[in-house]
C-alpha cells in the first residue's frame, strides 16, 4: 500500500506547515485519501509500522488528537505508548532536555508531541534520533489539524485554490488558525479572519489575510466558515465583555451563516462550545456541517504522516548503513 507518494515528502519531521511546498502538501493529502478508503474497510490494519515504536508525549491534556494519533499508529501496526505530563517525571522538575535524553535511550521511531510552549517541539526534535510530529505547541502551530481540514475541504469541493475561507473566533490564541492560514495561503485560497480586535495577534497584518471585525462582512460570499473556540485557559485578563455578548456578535447562527454562500461548509476543530462560538442547529446541519468528517479525516492524515516519516527514516538509516 501507498508507494510513489513517499517521494513527495523529503523532511525528517513534521514541525509545522511553514516551509512546506504545495507539492509536499498534495503528497500528504493524496496518501491520506488512500487511508480514508482503507479505514472504511472491515480490515483496517496495515503492517507499515510493524516493529516500530510510537510514543505520544502530551504535556497538555487532549482527547481528540491523542486518540486519533494512537488509533493511526495502531492501524499501521506500531507499538504505541501514551505518556502525559501528569504521570511523568516532568511534574517532579525534570527538564525538557532531560526528558528528550530519557526517551532517546528507548529508541522510539516516532515521537508525537503536544506542549504548551511555542517552539518546545522543535527543540525536542533537535535532541532525539526519531521522527517528531508536532501535535500542537503553544499558540504556534498544529500542522496535522490544518492538513485534515484541507483534506476535508478538498474531498467536498474538489480543490483548495481560489476558495474563500473565513476563520472566525479566537485567532490570537489559536495554533489551528495559524497552521490553516499558512496552508490555505500556500495552496492558493483566500483567507479572511473574523474576530474582535482583542482576539487578533499583533502581526496579523503580515499573515496574508483580510481582517474583518464585522461577521456580516467577513462571512459574505465565503465558501468555508471555520469557527474557533474561545481559549479561556490561555487568557490572562478580559478579552471579551462576556460570553453572552461574544455569542451575540460573533457566534455562528443561521442569521450570520446566511451571508455566506448558500452551500458554504461549516467547520470546527473541536471541542465545540455550543452557544458560545457556534449554535447547535448550525453545528449539526447534516448538509453543510463537516465537523464529524474532520474527525474521520484526522485519523487518515495522521496515518499518512506516520507512513511518510517512517519511510523517510527507513531510507535515511539504509543510507547510513550503505
C-alpha atoms as a PDB file:
ATOM      1  CA  UNK A   1       0.000   0.000   0.000  1.00  0.00           C
ATOM      2  CA  UNK A   2       0.880   3.503  -0.948  1.00  0.00           C
ATOM      3  CA  UNK A   3       4.012   3.886  -2.990  1.00  0.00           C
ATOM      4  CA  UNK A   4       5.061   6.816  -5.105  1.00  0.00           C
ATOM      5  CA  UNK A   5       3.676   9.439  -2.730  1.00  0.00           C
ATOM      6  CA  UNK A   6       6.587   8.791  -0.372  1.00  0.00           C
ATOM      7  CA  UNK A   7       8.998  10.622  -2.639  1.00  0.00           C
ATOM      8  CA  UNK A   8       6.899  13.772  -2.249  1.00  0.00           C
ATOM      9  CA  UNK A   9       7.791  14.338   1.416  1.00  0.00           C
ATOM     10  CA  UNK A  10      11.552  14.787   1.993  1.00  0.00           C
ATOM     11  CA  UNK A  11      11.525  16.018   5.610  1.00  0.00           C
ATOM     12  CA  UNK A  12      12.548  14.025   8.723  1.00  0.00           C
ATOM     13  CA  UNK A  13       9.840  15.644  10.919  1.00  0.00           C
ATOM     14  CA  UNK A  14       6.527  17.496  10.747  1.00  0.00           C
ATOM     15  CA  UNK A  15       7.039  20.538  12.959  1.00  0.00           C
ATOM     16  CA  UNK A  16       4.699  22.920  11.140  1.00  0.00           C
ATOM     17  CA  UNK A  17       3.068  23.860   7.856  1.00  0.00           C
ATOM     18  CA  UNK A  18       5.518  26.722   7.430  1.00  0.00           C
ATOM     19  CA  UNK A  19       8.201  25.700   4.954  1.00  0.00           C
ATOM     20  CA  UNK A  20       6.175  23.029   3.166  1.00  0.00           C
ATOM     21  CA  UNK A  21       5.806  23.282  -0.613  1.00  0.00           C
ATOM     22  CA  UNK A  22       2.427  22.884  -2.370  1.00  0.00           C
ATOM     23  CA  UNK A  23       3.621  19.591  -3.891  1.00  0.00           C
ATOM     24  CA  UNK A  24       4.517  18.260  -0.427  1.00  0.00           C
ATOM     25  CA  UNK A  25       1.091  19.147   0.943  1.00  0.00           C
ATOM     26  CA  UNK A  26      -0.533  17.493  -2.081  1.00  0.00           C
ATOM     27  CA  UNK A  27       1.546  14.343  -1.485  1.00  0.00           C
ATOM     28  CA  UNK A  28       0.328  14.150   2.123  1.00  0.00           C
ATOM     29  CA  UNK A  29      -3.303  14.671   1.081  1.00  0.00           C
ATOM     30  CA  UNK A  30      -3.064  12.125  -1.748  1.00  0.00           C
ATOM     31  CA  UNK A  31      -1.703   9.450   0.574  1.00  0.00           C
ATOM     32  CA  UNK A  32      -4.334  10.389   3.175  1.00  0.00           C
ATOM     33  CA  UNK A  33      -7.047   9.703   0.578  1.00  0.00           C
ATOM     34  CA  UNK A  34      -5.860   6.111   0.352  1.00  0.00           C
ATOM     35  CA  UNK A  35      -6.035   5.741   4.100  1.00  0.00           C
ATOM     36  CA  UNK A  36      -9.594   7.135   4.150  1.00  0.00           C
ATOM     37  CA  UNK A  37     -10.527   4.252   1.853  1.00  0.00           C
ATOM     38  CA  UNK A  38      -8.558   1.764   3.948  1.00  0.00           C
ATOM     39  CA  UNK A  39     -10.235   2.937   7.166  1.00  0.00           C
ATOM     40  CA  UNK A  40     -13.664   2.249   5.701  1.00  0.00           C
ATOM     41  CA  UNK A  41     -12.817  -1.420   5.124  1.00  0.00           C
ATOM     42  CA  UNK A  42     -13.656  -4.176   7.574  1.00  0.00           C
ATOM     43  CA  UNK A  43      -9.940  -4.939   7.999  1.00  0.00           C
ATOM     44  CA  UNK A  44      -8.286  -1.614   8.804  1.00  0.00           C
ATOM     45  CA  UNK A  45      -4.872  -2.913   9.862  1.00  0.00           C
ATOM     46  CA  UNK A  46      -1.615  -2.411   7.946  1.00  0.00           C
ATOM     47  CA  UNK A  47       1.923  -3.538   8.763  1.00  0.00           C
ATOM     48  CA  UNK A  48       3.674  -0.337   7.627  1.00  0.00           C
ATOM     49  CA  UNK A  49       4.939   0.375  11.166  1.00  0.00           C
ATOM     50  CA  UNK A  50       5.308  -3.207  12.385  1.00  0.00           C
ATOM     51  CA  UNK A  51       8.237  -3.379  14.789  1.00  0.00           C
ATOM     52  CA  UNK A  52       8.272   0.413  15.205  1.00  0.00           C
ATOM     53  CA  UNK A  53       7.651   2.293  18.450  1.00  0.00           C
ATOM     54  CA  UNK A  54       5.499   5.410  18.601  1.00  0.00           C
ATOM     55  CA  UNK A  55       5.419   7.499  21.775  1.00  0.00           C
ATOM     56  CA  UNK A  56       2.642  10.051  22.211  1.00  0.00           C
ATOM     57  CA  UNK A  57       4.045  12.629  24.639  1.00  0.00           C
ATOM     58  CA  UNK A  58       1.390  15.105  25.748  1.00  0.00           C
ATOM     59  CA  UNK A  59       2.295  17.941  28.123  1.00  0.00           C
ATOM     60  CA  UNK A  60      -1.258  19.272  27.671  1.00  0.00           C
ATOM     61  CA  UNK A  61      -4.438  17.257  28.009  1.00  0.00           C
ATOM     62  CA  UNK A  62      -6.035  16.149  24.768  1.00  0.00           C
ATOM     63  CA  UNK A  63      -8.637  13.574  23.923  1.00  0.00           C
ATOM     64  CA  UNK A  64      -9.250  14.018  20.200  1.00  0.00           C
ATOM     65  CA  UNK A  65      -5.702  14.472  18.935  1.00  0.00           C
ATOM     66  CA  UNK A  66      -4.051  11.882  21.193  1.00  0.00           C
ATOM     67  CA  UNK A  67      -6.733   9.270  20.479  1.00  0.00           C
ATOM     68  CA  UNK A  68      -6.500   9.980  16.759  1.00  0.00           C
ATOM     69  CA  UNK A  69      -2.701   9.525  16.730  1.00  0.00           C
ATOM     70  CA  UNK A  70      -2.996   6.397  18.876  1.00  0.00           C
ATOM     71  CA  UNK A  71      -5.523   4.856  16.513  1.00  0.00           C
ATOM     72  CA  UNK A  72      -3.437   5.872  13.481  1.00  0.00           C
ATOM     73  CA  UNK A  73      -0.325   4.224  14.887  1.00  0.00           C
ATOM     74  CA  UNK A  74      -2.114   1.023  15.872  1.00  0.00           C
ATOM     75  CA  UNK A  75      -3.802   0.700  12.485  1.00  0.00           C
ATOM     76  CA  UNK A  76      -0.338   0.848  10.912  1.00  0.00           C
ATOM     77  CA  UNK A  77       0.953  -1.853  13.250  1.00  0.00           C
ATOM     78  CA  UNK A  78       3.125   0.268  15.573  1.00  0.00           C
ATOM     79  CA  UNK A  79       3.702  -0.325  19.272  1.00  0.00           C
ATOM     80  CA  UNK A  80       2.072   2.806  20.715  1.00  0.00           C
ATOM     81  CA  UNK A  81       2.849   4.227  24.154  1.00  0.00           C
ATOM     82  CA  UNK A  82       0.931   7.173  25.639  1.00  0.00           C
ATOM     83  CA  UNK A  83       2.694   9.467  28.106  1.00  0.00           C
ATOM     84  CA  UNK A  84       1.247  12.537  29.816  1.00  0.00           C
ATOM     85  CA  UNK A  85       2.977  15.170  31.921  1.00  0.00           C
ATOM     86  CA  UNK A  86       0.677  14.430  34.869  1.00  0.00           C
ATOM     87  CA  UNK A  87       2.125  10.981  35.339  1.00  0.00           C
ATOM     88  CA  UNK A  88       5.717  11.635  34.380  1.00  0.00           C
ATOM     89  CA  UNK A  89       8.948  12.981  35.807  1.00  0.00           C
ATOM     90  CA  UNK A  90       8.076  16.356  34.270  1.00  0.00           C
ATOM     91  CA  UNK A  91       5.941  17.025  37.335  1.00  0.00           C
ATOM     92  CA  UNK A  92       8.973  16.313  39.500  1.00  0.00           C
ATOM     93  CA  UNK A  93      11.058  19.018  37.864  1.00  0.00           C
ATOM     94  CA  UNK A  94      12.712  17.138  35.007  1.00  0.00           C
ATOM     95  CA  UNK A  95      13.667  19.476  32.159  1.00  0.00           C
ATOM     96  CA  UNK A  96      12.564  19.064  28.561  1.00  0.00           C
ATOM     97  CA  UNK A  97      16.135  18.151  27.590  1.00  0.00           C
ATOM     98  CA  UNK A  98      16.286  15.501  30.332  1.00  0.00           C
ATOM     99  CA  UNK A  99      13.046  14.050  29.028  1.00  0.00           C
ATOM    100  CA  UNK A 100      14.426  14.002  25.486  1.00  0.00           C
ATOM    101  CA  UNK A 101      17.551  12.160  26.619  1.00  0.00           C
ATOM    102  CA  UNK A 102      15.481   9.618  28.558  1.00  0.00           C
ATOM    103  CA  UNK A 103      13.179   8.963  25.623  1.00  0.00           C
ATOM    104  CA  UNK A 104      16.106   8.752  23.225  1.00  0.00           C
ATOM    105  CA  UNK A 105      17.526   5.901  25.255  1.00  0.00           C
ATOM    106  CA  UNK A 106      14.331   3.952  24.485  1.00  0.00           C
ATOM    107  CA  UNK A 107      14.945   4.300  20.718  1.00  0.00           C
ATOM    108  CA  UNK A 108      11.461   5.416  19.671  1.00  0.00           C
ATOM    109  CA  UNK A 109      10.913   5.691  15.925  1.00  0.00           C
ATOM    110  CA  UNK A 110       8.278   8.422  16.175  1.00  0.00           C
ATOM    111  CA  UNK A 111       7.527  10.985  18.872  1.00  0.00           C
ATOM    112  CA  UNK A 112       4.172  12.752  18.725  1.00  0.00           C
ATOM    113  CA  UNK A 113       4.422  15.795  20.991  1.00  0.00           C
ATOM    114  CA  UNK A 114       1.983  18.375  22.342  1.00  0.00           C
ATOM    115  CA  UNK A 115       3.426  21.140  24.527  1.00  0.00           C
ATOM    116  CA  UNK A 116       2.075  24.430  25.961  1.00  0.00           C
ATOM    117  CA  UNK A 117       5.178  26.390  24.881  1.00  0.00           C
ATOM    118  CA  UNK A 118       5.765  27.513  21.306  1.00  0.00           C
ATOM    119  CA  UNK A 119       8.996  26.073  19.963  1.00  0.00           C
ATOM    120  CA  UNK A 120       9.290  23.255  22.505  1.00  0.00           C
ATOM    121  CA  UNK A 121       8.531  20.567  19.924  1.00  0.00           C
ATOM    122  CA  UNK A 122      11.225  21.852  17.583  1.00  0.00           C
ATOM    123  CA  UNK A 123      13.707  21.813  20.480  1.00  0.00           C
ATOM    124  CA  UNK A 124      12.834  18.195  21.187  1.00  0.00           C
ATOM    125  CA  UNK A 125      13.327  17.311  17.517  1.00  0.00           C
ATOM    126  CA  UNK A 126      16.919  18.509  17.780  1.00  0.00           C
ATOM    127  CA  UNK A 127      17.627  16.235  20.736  1.00  0.00           C
ATOM    128  CA  UNK A 128      16.108  12.912  19.666  1.00  0.00           C
ATOM    129  CA  UNK A 129      17.002  10.488  16.897  1.00  0.00           C
ATOM    130  CA  UNK A 130      13.440   9.557  15.862  1.00  0.00           C
ATOM    131  CA  UNK A 131      10.940  11.446  13.756  1.00  0.00           C
ATOM    132  CA  UNK A 132       8.930  14.117  15.588  1.00  0.00           C
ATOM    133  CA  UNK A 133       5.387  15.236  14.831  1.00  0.00           C
ATOM    134  CA  UNK A 134       4.071  18.467  16.293  1.00  0.00           C
ATOM    135  CA  UNK A 135       0.643  17.772  17.793  1.00  0.00           C
ATOM    136  CA  UNK A 136       0.326  21.421  18.881  1.00  0.00           C
ATOM    137  CA  UNK A 137       2.821  23.750  20.537  1.00  0.00           C
ATOM    138  CA  UNK A 138       1.524  26.773  22.414  1.00  0.00           C
ATOM    139  CA  UNK A 139      -0.090  29.284  20.064  1.00  0.00           C
ATOM    140  CA  UNK A 140       2.389  28.393  17.320  1.00  0.00           C
ATOM    141  CA  UNK A 141       1.208  25.540  15.070  1.00  0.00           C
ATOM    142  CA  UNK A 142      -0.927  22.404  14.843  1.00  0.00           C
ATOM    143  CA  UNK A 143       0.008  21.088  11.402  1.00  0.00           C
ATOM    144  CA  UNK A 144      -1.998  17.854  11.254  1.00  0.00           C
ATOM    145  CA  UNK A 145      -5.183  19.783  12.077  1.00  0.00           C
ATOM    146  CA  UNK A 146      -4.617  22.077   9.086  1.00  0.00           C
ATOM    147  CA  UNK A 147      -3.892  19.062   6.887  1.00  0.00           C
ATOM    148  CA  UNK A 148      -7.059  17.234   7.944  1.00  0.00           C
ATOM    149  CA  UNK A 149      -9.059  20.427   7.390  1.00  0.00           C
ATOM    150  CA  UNK A 150      -7.548  20.733   3.909  1.00  0.00           C
ATOM    151  CA  UNK A 151      -8.389  17.102   3.144  1.00  0.00           C
ATOM    152  CA  UNK A 152     -11.981  17.628   4.306  1.00  0.00           C
ATOM    153  CA  UNK A 153     -12.365  20.690   2.082  1.00  0.00           C
ATOM    154  CA  UNK A 154     -10.717  19.078  -0.948  1.00  0.00           C
ATOM    155  CA  UNK A 155     -12.914  15.987  -0.722  1.00  0.00           C
ATOM    156  CA  UNK A 156     -16.084  18.099  -0.558  1.00  0.00           C
ATOM    157  CA  UNK A 157     -15.229  20.875  -3.030  1.00  0.00           C
ATOM    158  CA  UNK A 158     -12.547  19.255  -5.159  1.00  0.00           C
ATOM    159  CA  UNK A 159      -9.947  21.981  -4.676  1.00  0.00           C
ATOM    160  CA  UNK A 160      -8.364  24.480  -2.319  1.00  0.00           C
ATOM    161  CA  UNK A 161      -7.131  27.073  -4.811  1.00  0.00           C
ATOM    162  CA  UNK A 162      -9.466  30.022  -5.324  1.00  0.00           C
ATOM    163  CA  UNK A 163     -11.741  29.248  -2.377  1.00  0.00           C
ATOM    164  CA  UNK A 164     -12.645  31.965   0.127  1.00  0.00           C
ATOM    165  CA  UNK A 165     -12.254  30.740   3.705  1.00  0.00           C
ATOM    166  CA  UNK A 166     -13.341  32.707   6.768  1.00  0.00           C
ATOM    167  CA  UNK A 167     -11.679  31.731  10.062  1.00  0.00           C
ATOM    168  CA  UNK A 168     -13.719  33.216  12.893  1.00  0.00           C
ATOM    169  CA  UNK A 169     -13.143  33.439  16.635  1.00  0.00           C
ATOM    170  CA  UNK A 170     -10.135  33.431  18.937  1.00  0.00           C
ATOM    171  CA  UNK A 171      -7.379  33.867  16.329  1.00  0.00           C
ATOM    172  CA  UNK A 172      -4.933  35.227  18.918  1.00  0.00           C
ATOM    173  CA  UNK A 173      -4.523  32.018  20.908  1.00  0.00           C
ATOM    174  CA  UNK A 174      -5.175  29.543  18.090  1.00  0.00           C
ATOM    175  CA  UNK A 175      -2.410  27.360  16.668  1.00  0.00           C
ATOM    176  CA  UNK A 176      -5.114  25.845  14.441  1.00  0.00           C
ATOM    177  CA  UNK A 177      -5.726  29.266  12.883  1.00  0.00           C
ATOM    178  CA  UNK A 178      -2.021  29.846  12.247  1.00  0.00           C
ATOM    179  CA  UNK A 179      -1.489  26.466  10.587  1.00  0.00           C
ATOM    180  CA  UNK A 180      -4.635  26.840   8.490  1.00  0.00           C
ATOM    181  CA  UNK A 181      -3.693  30.356   7.373  1.00  0.00           C
ATOM    182  CA  UNK A 182      -0.275  29.102   6.278  1.00  0.00           C
ATOM    183  CA  UNK A 183      -1.620  26.066   4.432  1.00  0.00           C
ATOM    184  CA  UNK A 184      -4.503  27.845   2.721  1.00  0.00           C
ATOM    185  CA  UNK A 185      -2.208  30.625   1.518  1.00  0.00           C
ATOM    186  CA  UNK A 186       0.318  28.097   0.207  1.00  0.00           C
ATOM    187  CA  UNK A 187      -2.449  26.288  -1.690  1.00  0.00           C
ATOM    188  CA  UNK A 188      -3.905  29.427  -3.262  1.00  0.00           C
ATOM    189  CA  UNK A 189      -7.028  30.052  -1.195  1.00  0.00           C
ATOM    190  CA  UNK A 190      -8.138  33.495   0.022  1.00  0.00           C
ATOM    191  CA  UNK A 191      -8.248  33.711   3.798  1.00  0.00           C
ATOM    192  CA  UNK A 192     -10.316  36.046   5.943  1.00  0.00           C
ATOM    193  CA  UNK A 193     -10.180  36.303   9.709  1.00  0.00           C
ATOM    194  CA  UNK A 194     -13.232  37.470  11.624  1.00  0.00           C
ATOM    195  CA  UNK A 195     -12.732  38.494  15.250  1.00  0.00           C
ATOM    196  CA  UNK A 196     -12.831  41.404  17.691  1.00  0.00           C
ATOM    197  CA  UNK A 197      -9.541  43.379  17.778  1.00  0.00           C
ATOM    198  CA  UNK A 198      -8.719  41.913  21.214  1.00  0.00           C
ATOM    199  CA  UNK A 199      -8.608  38.386  19.748  1.00  0.00           C
ATOM    200  CA  UNK A 200      -6.243  39.118  16.860  1.00  0.00           C
ATOM    201  CA  UNK A 201      -2.440  38.713  17.049  1.00  0.00           C
ATOM    202  CA  UNK A 202      -0.297  41.819  16.675  1.00  0.00           C
ATOM    203  CA  UNK A 203       1.295  40.506  13.479  1.00  0.00           C
ATOM    204  CA  UNK A 204      -2.000  39.736  11.726  1.00  0.00           C
ATOM    205  CA  UNK A 205      -1.215  42.297   9.001  1.00  0.00           C
ATOM    206  CA  UNK A 206       1.790  40.213   7.953  1.00  0.00           C
ATOM    207  CA  UNK A 207      -0.093  36.903   7.753  1.00  0.00           C
ATOM    208  CA  UNK A 208      -1.613  37.344   4.311  1.00  0.00           C
ATOM    209  CA  UNK A 209      -5.234  37.562   5.399  1.00  0.00           C
ATOM    210  CA  UNK A 210      -8.134  40.002   5.121  1.00  0.00           C
ATOM    211  CA  UNK A 211      -9.240  41.224   8.533  1.00  0.00           C
ATOM    212  CA  UNK A 212     -12.890  41.785   9.481  1.00  0.00           C
ATOM    213  CA  UNK A 213     -14.428  42.817  12.788  1.00  0.00           C
ATOM    214  CA  UNK A 214     -17.998  42.548  11.443  1.00  0.00           C
ATOM    215  CA  UNK A 215     -19.145  38.939  10.816  1.00  0.00           C
ATOM    216  CA  UNK A 216     -21.723  40.075   8.256  1.00  0.00           C
ATOM    217  CA  UNK A 217     -18.989  41.498   6.057  1.00  0.00           C
ATOM    218  CA  UNK A 218     -16.422  38.835   6.889  1.00  0.00           C
ATOM    219  CA  UNK A 219     -18.732  35.933   6.021  1.00  0.00           C
ATOM    220  CA  UNK A 220     -20.133  37.491   2.834  1.00  0.00           C
ATOM    221  CA  UNK A 221     -19.942  35.005  -0.057  1.00  0.00           C
ATOM    222  CA  UNK A 222     -17.385  32.699   1.575  1.00  0.00           C
ATOM    223  CA  UNK A 223     -17.060  29.004   0.645  1.00  0.00           C
ATOM    224  CA  UNK A 224     -15.971  27.845   4.105  1.00  0.00           C
ATOM    225  CA  UNK A 225     -16.791  29.083   7.601  1.00  0.00           C
ATOM    226  CA  UNK A 226     -14.234  27.754  10.085  1.00  0.00           C
ATOM    227  CA  UNK A 227     -15.163  28.518  13.697  1.00  0.00           C
ATOM    228  CA  UNK A 228     -12.720  28.524  16.617  1.00  0.00           C
ATOM    229  CA  UNK A 229     -13.456  28.184  20.321  1.00  0.00           C
ATOM    230  CA  UNK A 230     -12.631  30.809  22.919  1.00  0.00           C
ATOM    231  CA  UNK A 231      -9.461  29.505  24.593  1.00  0.00           C
ATOM    232  CA  UNK A 232     -10.191  30.889  28.035  1.00  0.00           C
ATOM    233  CA  UNK A 233      -7.437  28.722  29.556  1.00  0.00           C
ATOM    234  CA  UNK A 234      -4.865  30.833  27.676  1.00  0.00           C
ATOM    235  CA  UNK A 235      -6.455  34.171  28.501  1.00  0.00           C
ATOM    236  CA  UNK A 236      -4.995  36.388  31.217  1.00  0.00           C
ATOM    237  CA  UNK A 237      -7.338  39.351  31.610  1.00  0.00           C
ATOM    238  CA  UNK A 238     -10.503  40.390  29.814  1.00  0.00           C
ATOM    239  CA  UNK A 239     -10.554  39.744  26.069  1.00  0.00           C
ATOM    240  CA  UNK A 240     -14.337  39.854  25.598  1.00  0.00           C
ATOM    241  CA  UNK A 241     -17.022  41.702  27.629  1.00  0.00           C
ATOM    242  CA  UNK A 242     -18.889  38.452  28.349  1.00  0.00           C
ATOM    243  CA  UNK A 243     -19.591  35.093  26.755  1.00  0.00           C
ATOM    244  CA  UNK A 244     -23.173  36.192  26.067  1.00  0.00           C
ATOM    245  CA  UNK A 245     -22.009  39.352  24.270  1.00  0.00           C
ATOM    246  CA  UNK A 246     -19.415  37.374  22.310  1.00  0.00           C
ATOM    247  CA  UNK A 247     -22.038  34.895  21.098  1.00  0.00           C
ATOM    248  CA  UNK A 248     -24.374  37.693  20.130  1.00  0.00           C
ATOM    249  CA  UNK A 249     -21.787  39.415  17.915  1.00  0.00           C
ATOM    250  CA  UNK A 250     -19.531  36.577  16.755  1.00  0.00           C
ATOM    251  CA  UNK A 251     -21.276  33.252  17.443  1.00  0.00           C
ATOM    252  CA  UNK A 252     -22.278  31.429  14.252  1.00  0.00           C
ATOM    253  CA  UNK A 253     -26.032  31.099  13.936  1.00  0.00           C
ATOM    254  CA  UNK A 254     -28.443  30.867  10.987  1.00  0.00           C
ATOM    255  CA  UNK A 255     -28.670  34.647  10.636  1.00  0.00           C
ATOM    256  CA  UNK A 256     -24.904  35.118  10.254  1.00  0.00           C
ATOM    257  CA  UNK A 257     -24.487  31.989   8.136  1.00  0.00           C
ATOM    258  CA  UNK A 258     -26.984  33.432   5.654  1.00  0.00           C
ATOM    259  CA  UNK A 259     -24.311  35.914   4.490  1.00  0.00           C
ATOM    260  CA  UNK A 260     -22.065  33.080   3.298  1.00  0.00           C
ATOM    261  CA  UNK A 261     -22.662  31.177   0.063  1.00  0.00           C
ATOM    262  CA  UNK A 262     -25.826  29.023   0.202  1.00  0.00           C
ATOM    263  CA  UNK A 263     -23.724  25.847   0.165  1.00  0.00           C
ATOM    264  CA  UNK A 264     -20.870  27.115   2.363  1.00  0.00           C
ATOM    265  CA  UNK A 265     -19.353  24.397   4.562  1.00  0.00           C
ATOM    266  CA  UNK A 266     -19.191  24.728   8.357  1.00  0.00           C
ATOM    267  CA  UNK A 267     -16.039  23.575  10.141  1.00  0.00           C
ATOM    268  CA  UNK A 268     -14.781  23.436  13.717  1.00  0.00           C
ATOM    269  CA  UNK A 269     -11.603  21.769  15.047  1.00  0.00           C
ATOM    270  CA  UNK A 270     -13.296  20.871  18.334  1.00  0.00           C
ATOM    271  CA  UNK A 271     -14.009  20.720  21.112  1.00  0.00           C
ATOM    272  CA  UNK A 272     -17.046  22.923  20.482  1.00  0.00           C
ATOM    273  CA  UNK A 273     -18.548  25.362  22.942  1.00  0.00           C
ATOM    274  CA  UNK A 274     -22.164  25.236  21.807  1.00  0.00           C
ATOM    275  CA  UNK A 275     -23.924  28.516  22.409  1.00  0.00           C
ATOM    276  CA  UNK A 276     -20.593  30.357  22.662  1.00  0.00           C
ATOM    277  CA  UNK A 277     -18.963  30.315  19.230  1.00  0.00           C
ATOM    278  CA  UNK A 278     -21.486  28.165  17.389  1.00  0.00           C
ATOM    279  CA  UNK A 279     -25.198  27.379  17.589  1.00  0.00           C
ATOM    280  CA  UNK A 280     -26.163  23.698  17.862  1.00  0.00           C
ATOM    281  CA  UNK A 281     -28.589  23.996  14.959  1.00  0.00           C
ATOM    282  CA  UNK A 282     -25.729  25.080  12.696  1.00  0.00           C
ATOM    283  CA  UNK A 283     -23.152  22.653  14.081  1.00  0.00           C
ATOM    284  CA  UNK A 284     -25.493  19.708  13.495  1.00  0.00           C
ATOM    285  CA  UNK A 285     -26.614  20.719   9.981  1.00  0.00           C
ATOM    286  CA  UNK A 286     -26.365  17.409   8.078  1.00  0.00           C
ATOM    287  CA  UNK A 287     -25.946  19.073   4.682  1.00  0.00           C
ATOM    288  CA  UNK A 288     -23.372  21.726   5.491  1.00  0.00           C
ATOM    289  CA  UNK A 289     -21.504  20.837   8.680  1.00  0.00           C
ATOM    290  CA  UNK A 290     -18.384  18.704   8.067  1.00  0.00           C
ATOM    291  CA  UNK A 291     -17.295  18.638  11.706  1.00  0.00           C
ATOM    292  CA  UNK A 292     -17.679  14.856  12.006  1.00  0.00           C
ATOM    293  CA  UNK A 293     -15.866  14.350   8.702  1.00  0.00           C
ATOM    294  CA  UNK A 294     -12.961  16.355  10.105  1.00  0.00           C
ATOM    295  CA  UNK A 295     -12.571  13.764  12.877  1.00  0.00           C
ATOM    296  CA  UNK A 296     -12.553  10.912  10.340  1.00  0.00           C
ATOM    297  CA  UNK A 297     -10.047  12.709   8.114  1.00  0.00           C
ATOM    298  CA  UNK A 298      -7.815  13.252  11.150  1.00  0.00           C
ATOM    299  CA  UNK A 299      -7.073   9.540  11.523  1.00  0.00           C
ATOM    300  CA  UNK A 300      -6.280   9.180   7.804  1.00  0.00           C
ATOM    301  CA  UNK A 301      -3.977  12.223   7.728  1.00  0.00           C
ATOM    302  CA  UNK A 302      -2.098  11.053  10.808  1.00  0.00           C
ATOM    303  CA  UNK A 303      -1.677   7.593   9.300  1.00  0.00           C
ATOM    304  CA  UNK A 304      -0.272   9.206   6.169  1.00  0.00           C
ATOM    305  CA  UNK A 305       2.201  11.313   8.155  1.00  0.00           C
ATOM    306  CA  UNK A 306       3.374   8.340  10.220  1.00  0.00           C
ATOM    307  CA  UNK A 307       3.815   6.346   6.997  1.00  0.00           C
ATOM    308  CA  UNK A 308       5.752   9.138   5.260  1.00  0.00           C
ATOM    309  CA  UNK A 309       8.065   9.778   8.194  1.00  0.00           C
ATOM    310  CA  UNK A 310       8.703   6.051   8.718  1.00  0.00           C
ATOM    311  CA  UNK A 311       9.588   5.744   5.037  1.00  0.00           C
ATOM    312  CA  UNK A 312      11.948   8.736   5.271  1.00  0.00           C
ATOM    313  CA  UNK A 313      13.595   7.301   8.398  1.00  0.00           C
ATOM    314  CA  UNK A 314      13.970   3.870   6.805  1.00  0.00           C
ATOM    315  CA  UNK A 315      15.685   5.398   3.754  1.00  0.00           C
ATOM    316  CA  UNK A 316      17.946   7.541   5.939  1.00  0.00           C
ATOM    317  CA  UNK A 317      19.061   4.578   8.043  1.00  0.00           C
ATOM    318  CA  UNK A 318      19.591   2.480   4.927  1.00  0.00           C
ATOM    319  CA  UNK A 319      21.798   5.240   3.538  1.00  0.00           C
ATOM    320  CA  UNK A 320      23.878   5.317   6.719  1.00  0.00           C
ATOM    321  CA  UNK A 321      24.370   1.562   6.631  1.00  0.00           C
ATOM    322  CA  UNK A 322      25.329   1.666   2.952  1.00  0.00           C
END
